[in-house]
Amino acid sequence: MNHLINGNGQDARDYSAKPGSSVANGQENQNNTIELTVPGNLAGLRLDQALAQLFPQWSRNRLQGWVEEKRVSIDGLSATCKQKIWGGETVCLIAGQIESDQSHQAEAIPLRIVFEDDHLIVIDKPAGLVVHPGNGNWHGTLLNALLNHAPQLDQVPRAGIVHRLDKDTTGLLVVAKTIEAQFDLVRQLQQRTVKRHYLALALGKIGKNGVVDAPIGRHPVHRTRMAVVPQGKPARTHYRVMEQFSGSTLLHCSLETGRTHQIRVHLLSIGHPIAGDPVYGKPASDPATAIAVTQLPRQALHAWQLGLIHPHSGQTLFWESSLPDDMTDLLQTLRACSKSYFGRYFLNEKILF
């Protein structure tokens, strides 16, 4: 379902589009031209370093190539990768045509679409669907499905994907249908006006609400895993107790940042990994919980609610996804074998923002 909600979030960071640009007025531009003002917090960086932060939907190599092709100007003058920027300059980027590799092929994969217009698609992703090709999953991904559903996405970086869910995490994910919408959504993710709320079943009893503020980076030994490490990127997860069972706790989690595996890593770091997590999990100490969790062949994590400011209309939109059957069945089993201390009707509430 989708709802309109009054109000929106603000952030102090300034990624402002120049008035009249394709980003500012929301118009499609034949040359895919994007203009913006460089924020002061990027002062002192080389241009290619700054562009990588301003346009994370494109790789640094691609951006460097566009600079060399004279597709990037600073205050109307041709730019070079090594020149310094100091904040306040107007950057103009003319994005080139997107070249798709062999993995970027349209495939007829069913999609559960909860919202779509000329600018956005909101997907309710099932378990088992990889979002983007890579790491041995080169076909059968959400990207392949999107290219089949909306062929014009082959001219948008990453087929419009601006954030991801893990393969076995279910729930809501937004996709941009134009470069302008993609740029706006990436900016909203940076400014934290995209709101993402999750339901997670954590092992053990958690008695009160809390927040985990701990940097996340590659595990120093197991390079395919993430971990809380001093040199990692800042990461912050809020959690709220929604229901307690004898050996587990249902949490509502909200993200201030979007690091890889963030909720899974943060809950592990406080001694309460997500039930069923094949990478970051551990056996449940409560026998009844251990038996119940065997019903779920994946981590018990669901992207429950999604909110954002529409990149064209400026309206604040909100969607909600019902718990998938496997998590619903697991919760029913846990309720049957333990007293539920917190009202299960909390799942009917709307997290307004």
Protein backbone atom coordinates (compact mmCIF):
# COMPACT_ATOMS: atom_id res chain seq x y z
CA MET A 1 0.00 0.00 0.00
CA ASN A 2 1.11 3.59 -0.41
CA HIS A 3 0.23 6.69 1.57
CA LEU A 4 0.92 10.41 1.32
CA ILE A 5 2.28 11.91 4.52
CA ASN A 6 2.81 15.58 5.29
CA GLY A 7 6.28 16.87 6.10
CA ASN A 8 9.76 15.81 5.08
CA GLY A 9 13.24 15.50 6.53
CA GLN A 10 16.03 18.01 6.10
CA ASP A 11 19.79 17.76 6.39
CA ALA A 12 22.49 20.39 6.65
CA ARG A 13 24.55 19.06 3.73
CA ASP A 14 24.10 21.11 0.55
CA TYR A 15 23.89 19.19 -2.71
CA SER A 16 21.88 21.87 -4.48
CA ALA A 17 21.08 21.71 -8.17
CA LYS A 18 21.51 24.89 -10.18
CA PRO A 19 18.14 26.52 -11.00
CA GLY A 20 17.09 25.63 -14.52
CA SER A 21 19.12 22.45 -14.64
CA SER A 22 17.56 19.09 -15.41
CA VAL A 23 17.89 18.12 -11.74
CA ALA A 24 16.33 21.30 -10.41
CA ASN A 25 13.28 21.33 -12.66
CA GLY A 26 12.80 17.58 -12.97
CA GLN A 27 12.78 17.70 -16.79
CA GLU A 28 14.26 15.00 -18.96
CA ASN A 29 17.25 16.36 -20.87
CA GLN A 30 18.29 14.82 -24.19
CA ASN A 31 21.96 15.26 -23.34
CA ASN A 32 21.56 13.91 -19.79
CA THR A 33 22.99 17.17 -18.46
CA ILE A 34 23.23 17.59 -14.69
CA GLU A 35 24.35 20.79 -12.99
CA LEU A 36 24.95 21.25 -9.28
CA THR A 37 26.81 23.39 -6.79
CA VAL A 38 29.78 21.76 -5.08
CA PRO A 39 29.20 21.62 -1.29
CA GLY A 40 31.83 23.13 0.95
CA ASN A 41 32.59 19.84 2.74
CA LEU A 42 34.34 18.60 -0.43
CA ALA A 43 36.79 21.51 -0.51
CA GLY A 44 40.37 20.51 -1.21
CA LEU A 45 39.59 17.29 -3.08
CA ARG A 46 40.68 16.53 -6.62
CA LEU A 47 37.84 16.85 -9.08
CA ASP A 48 37.67 13.10 -9.79
CA GLN A 49 37.48 12.40 -6.04
CA ALA A 50 34.70 14.94 -5.61
CA LEU A 51 32.77 13.61 -8.61
CA ALA A 52 32.90 10.10 -7.13
CA GLN A 53 31.08 11.44 -4.06
CA LEU A 54 28.66 13.65 -5.96
CA PHE A 55 27.72 10.96 -8.48
CA PRO A 56 28.09 7.58 -6.73
CA GLN A 57 25.76 5.96 -9.28
CA TRP A 58 28.72 5.96 -11.69
CA SER A 59 32.15 4.40 -11.18
CA ARG A 60 35.19 6.66 -10.76
CA ASN A 61 36.68 5.22 -13.97
CA ARG A 62 33.60 6.21 -15.94
CA LEU A 63 33.61 9.71 -14.43
CA GLN A 64 37.32 10.14 -15.19
CA GLY A 65 36.62 9.08 -18.77
CA TRP A 66 33.90 11.69 -19.09
CA VAL A 67 36.26 14.37 -17.75
CA GLU A 68 38.82 13.37 -20.40
CA GLU A 69 36.07 13.51 -23.03
CA LYS A 70 35.33 17.11 -21.95
CA ARG A 71 31.90 16.19 -20.64
CA VAL A 72 32.59 17.91 -17.30
CA SER A 73 33.02 21.64 -16.79
CA ILE A 74 33.62 23.82 -13.73
CA ASP A 75 32.01 27.26 -13.85
CA GLY A 76 31.73 26.92 -17.62
CA LEU A 77 35.36 25.93 -18.23
CA SER A 78 36.72 22.53 -19.23
CA ALA A 79 37.91 20.54 -16.23
CA THR A 80 40.72 18.09 -15.49
CA CYS A 81 40.70 15.17 -13.06
CA LYS A 82 43.57 16.55 -10.97
CA GLN A 83 42.31 20.08 -10.46
CA LYS A 84 41.23 21.00 -6.95
CA ILE A 85 37.75 22.15 -6.04
CA TRP A 86 37.02 24.49 -3.13
CA GLY A 87 33.24 24.52 -2.77
CA GLY A 88 30.68 26.79 -4.39
CA GLU A 89 31.67 25.98 -7.97
CA THR A 90 29.04 24.93 -10.51
CA VAL A 91 29.75 21.50 -11.95
CA CYS A 92 28.12 20.58 -15.25
CA LEU A 93 28.17 16.91 -16.22
CA ILE A 94 26.94 15.60 -19.57
CA ALA A 95 26.49 11.88 -18.97
CA GLY A 96 27.43 9.66 -21.91
CA GLN A 97 25.55 6.66 -23.19
CA ILE A 98 25.56 3.69 -20.85
CA GLU A 99 27.21 0.58 -22.25
CA SER A 100 25.68 -2.64 -20.96
CA ASP A 101 27.87 -5.69 -20.47
CA GLN A 102 26.75 -9.26 -21.11
CA SER A 103 25.26 -9.61 -17.63
CA HIS A 104 23.00 -6.60 -18.24
CA GLN A 105 20.43 -8.45 -20.30
CA ALA A 106 16.66 -8.36 -20.03
CA GLU A 107 15.15 -11.49 -18.50
CA ALA A 108 11.46 -12.29 -17.98
CA ILE A 109 11.49 -12.52 -14.18
CA PRO A 110 8.24 -11.69 -12.33
CA LEU A 111 8.28 -8.55 -10.22
CA ARG A 112 5.94 -7.50 -7.44
CA ILE A 113 5.50 -3.78 -8.15
CA VAL A 114 3.78 -1.75 -5.44
CA PHE A 115 4.19 1.64 -7.13
CA GLU A 116 5.26 2.92 -10.53
CA ASP A 117 5.11 6.19 -12.45
CA ASP A 118 7.34 7.90 -15.02
CA HIS A 119 10.07 8.47 -12.43
CA LEU A 120 10.09 5.63 -9.88
CA ILE A 121 9.42 1.94 -9.40
CA VAL A 122 8.99 0.51 -5.89
CA ILE A 123 9.57 -3.25 -5.72
CA ASP A 124 8.58 -5.70 -2.99
CA LYS A 125 11.54 -8.08 -3.30
CA PRO A 126 11.18 -11.77 -2.44
CA ALA A 127 13.83 -13.87 -0.71
CA GLY A 128 16.36 -15.43 -3.06
CA LEU A 129 16.44 -12.61 -5.62
CA VAL A 130 19.86 -11.02 -6.07
CA VAL A 131 19.61 -7.29 -6.73
CA HIS A 132 22.63 -6.69 -8.99
CA PRO A 133 24.79 -9.11 -11.04
CA GLY A 134 28.09 -10.10 -9.49
CA ASN A 135 29.87 -12.63 -7.26
CA GLY A 136 28.76 -15.61 -9.33
CA ASN A 137 25.19 -14.33 -9.80
CA TRP A 138 25.46 -12.92 -13.31
CA HIS A 139 21.89 -13.62 -14.40
CA GLY A 140 18.47 -13.97 -12.83
CA THR A 141 18.82 -10.73 -10.83
CA LEU A 142 16.52 -7.81 -10.13
CA LEU A 143 18.54 -5.77 -12.64
CA ASN A 144 17.77 -8.31 -15.38
CA ALA A 145 14.09 -8.26 -14.44
CA LEU A 146 13.98 -4.46 -14.51
CA LEU A 147 15.50 -4.32 -18.00
CA ASN A 148 12.73 -6.64 -19.18
CA HIS A 149 10.00 -4.65 -17.45
CA ALA A 150 11.26 -1.20 -18.53
CA PRO A 151 13.75 -1.46 -21.44
CA GLN A 152 14.62 2.26 -21.22
CA LEU A 153 16.50 1.48 -18.02
CA ASP A 154 19.42 0.26 -20.12
CA GLN A 155 20.35 3.95 -20.43
CA VAL A 156 20.30 4.56 -16.67
CA PRO A 157 23.31 3.52 -14.55
CA ARG A 158 22.75 0.17 -12.82
CA ALA A 159 19.28 0.10 -14.39
CA GLY A 160 18.18 2.73 -11.89
CA ILE A 161 19.14 0.78 -8.75
CA VAL A 162 20.19 3.19 -5.99
CA HIS A 163 20.26 0.90 -2.94
CA ARG A 164 20.23 -2.83 -2.36
CA LEU A 165 18.81 -5.56 -0.20
CA ASP A 166 20.73 -8.74 0.50
CA LYS A 167 19.72 -11.79 -1.53
CA ASP A 168 17.70 -13.33 1.30
CA THR A 169 16.33 -10.10 2.76
CA THR A 170 12.76 -9.37 1.69
CA GLY A 171 10.84 -6.15 1.28
CA LEU A 172 10.79 -2.70 -0.27
CA LEU A 173 13.34 -1.21 -2.63
CA VAL A 174 13.08 1.88 -4.86
CA VAL A 175 14.41 2.13 -8.42
CA ALA A 176 14.82 5.30 -10.50
CA LYS A 177 13.51 5.30 -14.07
CA THR A 178 15.53 8.32 -15.25
CA ILE A 179 19.02 9.65 -14.63
CA GLU A 180 17.48 12.76 -13.06
CA ALA A 181 15.41 10.70 -10.63
CA GLN A 182 18.43 8.54 -9.85
CA PHE A 183 20.56 11.55 -9.05
CA ASP A 184 17.85 12.94 -6.79
CA LEU A 185 17.40 9.63 -4.93
CA VAL A 186 21.15 9.25 -4.42
CA ARG A 187 21.20 12.77 -3.01
CA GLN A 188 18.28 11.91 -0.71
CA LEU A 189 20.12 8.83 0.53
CA GLN A 190 23.11 11.03 1.32
CA GLN A 191 20.91 13.61 3.02
CA ARG A 192 18.89 10.89 4.83
CA THR A 193 15.49 11.90 3.52
CA VAL A 194 14.96 8.33 2.32
CA LYS A 195 13.57 6.48 5.34
CA ARG A 196 14.04 2.71 5.59
CA HIS A 197 12.47 0.68 8.37
CA TYR A 198 13.08 -3.03 8.90
CA LEU A 199 11.69 -5.84 11.01
CA ALA A 200 14.33 -8.19 12.40
CA LEU A 201 14.07 -11.17 14.71
CA ALA A 202 17.15 -11.05 16.93
CA LEU A 203 18.33 -13.92 19.12
CA GLY A 204 18.17 -13.38 22.87
CA LYS A 205 16.09 -11.05 25.01
CA ILE A 206 16.54 -7.34 24.38
CA GLY A 207 14.90 -5.40 27.16
CA LYS A 208 14.93 -1.84 25.87
CA ASN A 209 15.30 0.32 22.79
CA GLY A 210 18.74 1.44 21.70
CA VAL A 211 21.11 2.58 19.01
CA VAL A 212 24.30 1.07 17.62
CA ASP A 213 26.80 3.69 16.48
CA ALA A 214 29.83 1.77 15.22
CA PRO A 215 31.90 1.97 12.01
CA ILE A 216 31.59 -0.86 9.50
CA GLY A 217 34.23 -2.12 7.06
CA ARG A 218 35.65 -5.31 5.60
CA HIS A 219 36.41 -8.03 8.13
CA PRO A 220 40.20 -8.05 8.66
CA VAL A 221 40.40 -11.83 8.13
CA HIS A 222 37.23 -12.94 6.33
CA ARG A 223 37.23 -10.55 3.39
CA THR A 224 33.79 -11.58 2.14
CA ARG A 225 32.25 -10.43 5.43
CA MET A 226 31.73 -7.05 7.02
CA ALA A 227 32.52 -6.20 10.64
CA VAL A 228 32.67 -3.38 13.15
CA VAL A 229 36.22 -2.09 12.67
CA PRO A 230 37.88 1.17 13.82
CA GLN A 231 38.81 2.20 10.28
CA GLY A 232 35.36 1.47 8.86
CA LYS A 233 32.81 3.93 7.53
CA PRO A 234 30.43 5.59 10.03
CA ALA A 235 27.26 3.55 10.58
CA ARG A 236 24.28 4.12 12.85
CA THR A 237 21.29 1.83 13.46
CA HIS A 238 18.34 2.55 15.75
CA TYR A 239 16.35 -0.38 17.13
CA ARG A 240 13.11 -0.58 19.06
CA VAL A 241 11.65 -3.59 20.85
CA MET A 242 8.32 -4.61 19.34
CA GLU A 243 7.75 -8.09 20.79
CA GLN A 244 9.64 -10.41 23.13
CA PHE A 245 9.70 -14.20 23.14
CA SER A 246 11.42 -16.67 25.45
CA GLY A 247 14.65 -16.67 23.46
CA SER A 248 14.34 -13.94 20.84
CA THR A 249 13.12 -10.39 20.25
CA LEU A 250 11.31 -8.82 17.32
CA LEU A 251 12.91 -5.44 16.57
CA HIS A 252 12.02 -2.46 14.45
CA CYS A 253 15.29 -1.16 12.99
CA SER A 254 15.84 2.12 11.17
CA LEU A 255 18.96 3.23 9.35
CA GLU A 256 20.76 6.54 9.36
CA THR A 257 23.39 5.10 7.02
CA GLY A 258 23.30 2.30 4.48
CA ARG A 259 26.45 0.22 4.88
CA THR A 260 26.68 -3.29 3.48
CA HIS A 261 25.01 -5.80 5.88
CA GLN A 262 24.60 -2.96 8.40
CA ILE A 263 21.74 -4.31 10.52
CA ARG A 264 23.16 -7.84 10.49
CA VAL A 265 26.62 -6.65 11.58
CA HIS A 266 25.37 -4.18 14.17
CA LEU A 267 23.05 -6.66 15.87
CA LEU A 268 25.86 -9.23 15.96
CA SER A 269 28.12 -6.62 17.56
CA ILE A 270 25.76 -6.24 20.54
CA GLY A 271 25.43 -10.00 20.98
CA HIS A 272 22.02 -10.41 19.33
CA PRO A 273 22.50 -11.65 15.75
CA ILE A 274 19.53 -12.07 13.45
CA ALA A 275 17.85 -15.46 13.65
CA GLY A 276 18.69 -17.73 10.74
CA ASP A 277 21.54 -15.57 9.47
CA PRO A 278 23.88 -17.98 7.60
CA VAL A 279 26.86 -15.57 7.75
CA TYR A 280 26.58 -13.57 10.96
CA GLY A 281 24.31 -15.82 13.00
CA LYS A 282 24.86 -18.32 15.77
CA PRO A 283 22.80 -21.15 17.31
CA ALA A 284 19.97 -20.00 19.56
CA SER A 285 20.58 -20.76 23.23
CA ASP A 286 16.86 -21.30 23.89
CA PRO A 287 15.89 -24.84 22.72
CA ALA A 288 12.39 -23.87 21.58
CA THR A 289 13.76 -20.92 19.60
CA ALA A 290 16.45 -23.11 18.05
CA ILE A 291 13.83 -25.56 16.79
CA ALA A 292 11.53 -22.79 15.53
CA VAL A 293 14.29 -21.01 13.62
CA THR A 294 14.94 -24.14 11.55
CA GLN A 295 11.69 -23.26 9.76
CA LEU A 296 13.39 -20.25 8.18
CA PRO A 297 16.22 -20.99 5.70
CA ARG A 298 17.44 -17.37 5.71
CA GLN A 299 17.99 -14.38 7.97
CA ALA A 300 14.76 -13.09 9.55
CA LEU A 301 15.08 -9.57 8.12
CA HIS A 302 12.36 -7.71 6.20
CA ALA A 303 12.41 -4.20 4.69
CA TRP A 304 9.06 -3.23 6.12
CA GLN A 305 8.53 0.45 5.36
CA LEU A 306 9.99 2.89 2.84
CA GLY A 307 9.53 6.64 2.63
CA LEU A 308 11.00 9.28 0.34
CA ILE A 309 10.39 12.63 -1.31
CA HIS A 310 9.21 12.16 -4.89
CA PRO A 311 11.97 13.54 -7.16
CA HIS A 312 9.50 15.22 -9.51
CA SER A 313 6.41 16.21 -7.49
CA GLY A 314 8.12 16.89 -4.15
CA GLN A 315 5.45 14.88 -2.32
CA THR A 316 6.48 12.68 0.57
CA LEU A 317 5.50 9.09 -0.19
CA PHE A 318 5.30 6.10 2.10
CA TRP A 319 4.88 2.38 1.40
CA GLU A 320 4.55 -0.66 3.62
CA SER A 321 5.15 -4.35 2.89
CA SER A 322 3.43 -7.12 4.83
CA LEU A 323 5.65 -9.70 6.51
CA PRO A 324 6.38 -12.61 4.16
CA ASP A 325 4.80 -15.95 4.98
CA ASP A 326 7.98 -17.54 6.29
CA MET A 327 8.56 -14.84 8.91
CA THR A 328 4.86 -14.76 9.80
CA ASP A 329 4.88 -18.52 10.38
CA LEU A 330 8.03 -18.25 12.49
CA LEU A 331 6.51 -15.58 14.73
CA GLN A 332 3.35 -17.63 15.18
CA THR A 333 5.44 -20.61 16.26
CA LEU A 334 7.38 -18.49 18.73
CA ARG A 335 4.17 -17.07 20.18
CA ALA A 336 2.78 -20.55 20.62
CA CYS A 337 5.75 -21.72 22.68
CA SER A 338 6.44 -18.61 24.74
CA LYS A 339 4.52 -15.79 26.34
CA SER A 340 4.61 -12.66 24.20
CA TYR A 341 5.45 -9.76 26.52
CA PHE A 342 4.94 -6.95 24.04
CA GLY A 343 1.74 -6.42 22.07
CA ARG A 344 1.87 -8.05 18.69
CA TYR A 345 -0.42 -5.34 17.36
CA PHE A 346 2.52 -2.98 17.07
CA LEU A 347 2.89 -4.34 13.55
CA ASN A 348 -0.16 -2.28 12.58
CA GLU A 349 1.43 1.04 13.43
CA LYS A 350 2.85 3.47 10.89
CA ILE A 351 6.32 4.87 11.53
CA LEU A 352 5.82 8.50 10.49
CA PHE A 353 8.83 10.63 9.78
